Amino acid sequence: MTDKDVEKKVYGAEEIQQILGIGRSKVYLFLDEVYKKKEPFRVLKIGKCYRIPKGSFDRWLEGEAEE
């Protein structure tokens, strides 16, 4: 199985930064806030790394309510 065979299920902070068009420091402040509040989408923190499940973030971005 290669990397191309595995569909990516999470975004990294850099990808969120690009999607939202915000600066590096702002994206980290935003993700830390979302991680602590546990809304409006899921954020996983592994050490100092943030991982954002695509489904949760994409639903928020499209304006759909988080379940």
Protein backbone atom coordinates (compact mmCIF):
# COMPACT_ATOMS: atom_id res chain seq x y z
CA MET A 1 0.00 0.00 0.00
CA THR A 2 1.39 3.40 -0.96
CA ASP A 3 0.59 6.87 0.37
CA LYS A 4 -1.52 7.43 -2.73
CA ASP A 5 -3.69 4.44 -1.78
CA VAL A 6 -4.56 5.92 1.62
CA GLU A 7 -7.09 8.75 1.64
CA LYS A 8 -6.07 11.48 4.04
CA LYS A 9 -8.60 11.87 6.85
CA VAL A 10 -7.16 14.86 8.70
CA TYR A 11 -5.88 18.34 7.95
CA GLY A 12 -2.75 19.80 9.47
CA ALA A 13 -2.45 23.36 10.74
CA GLU A 14 -0.74 24.44 7.51
CA GLU A 15 -3.66 23.18 5.43
CA ILE A 16 -6.18 24.98 7.66
CA GLN A 17 -4.07 28.13 7.29
CA GLN A 18 -4.26 27.88 3.50
CA ILE A 19 -7.97 27.04 3.42
CA LEU A 20 -8.90 29.96 5.68
CA GLY A 21 -6.30 32.35 4.27
CA ILE A 22 -4.95 33.42 7.66
CA GLY A 23 -1.44 33.77 9.06
CA ARG A 24 0.54 31.10 10.86
CA SER A 25 0.25 32.59 14.35
CA LYS A 26 -3.49 33.23 13.90
CA VAL A 27 -4.18 29.65 12.82
CA TYR A 28 -2.41 28.26 15.89
CA LEU A 29 -4.30 30.63 18.22
CA PHE A 30 -7.57 29.66 16.53
CA LEU A 31 -6.90 25.92 16.69
CA ASP A 32 -5.88 26.14 20.35
CA GLU A 33 -9.13 27.97 21.14
CA VAL A 34 -11.23 25.42 19.22
CA TYR A 35 -9.36 22.56 20.93
CA LYS A 36 -10.14 23.98 24.39
CA LYS A 37 -13.81 24.79 23.63
CA LYS A 38 -14.35 21.54 21.68
CA GLU A 39 -16.37 23.48 19.12
CA PRO A 40 -17.28 24.38 16.36
CA PHE A 41 -15.32 21.38 15.00
CA ARG A 42 -13.04 18.66 16.36
CA VAL A 43 -9.35 19.30 16.90
CA LEU A 44 -6.92 16.60 17.99
CA LYS A 45 -3.70 17.64 19.67
CA ILE A 46 -0.78 15.23 19.57
CA GLY A 47 2.08 16.80 21.47
CA LYS A 48 2.40 20.21 19.84
CA CYS A 49 0.80 19.08 16.57
CA TYR A 50 -2.81 19.78 15.67
CA ARG A 51 -4.82 17.42 13.50
CA ILE A 52 -8.29 18.33 12.34
CA PRO A 53 -10.65 15.60 11.11
CA LYS A 54 -11.68 16.54 7.57
CA GLY A 55 -15.35 15.67 7.96
CA SER A 56 -15.82 17.80 11.07
CA PHE A 57 -13.97 20.80 9.63
CA ASP A 58 -15.60 20.55 6.20
CA ARG A 59 -19.10 20.45 7.76
CA TRP A 60 -18.27 23.58 9.79
CA LEU A 61 -16.87 25.33 6.74
CA GLU A 62 -20.03 24.53 4.76
CA GLY A 63 -22.20 25.87 7.58
CA GLU A 64 -23.57 22.55 8.74
CA ALA A 65 -24.16 21.97 12.47
CA GLU A 66 -21.73 19.72 14.37
CA GLU A 67 -23.37 16.65 15.87
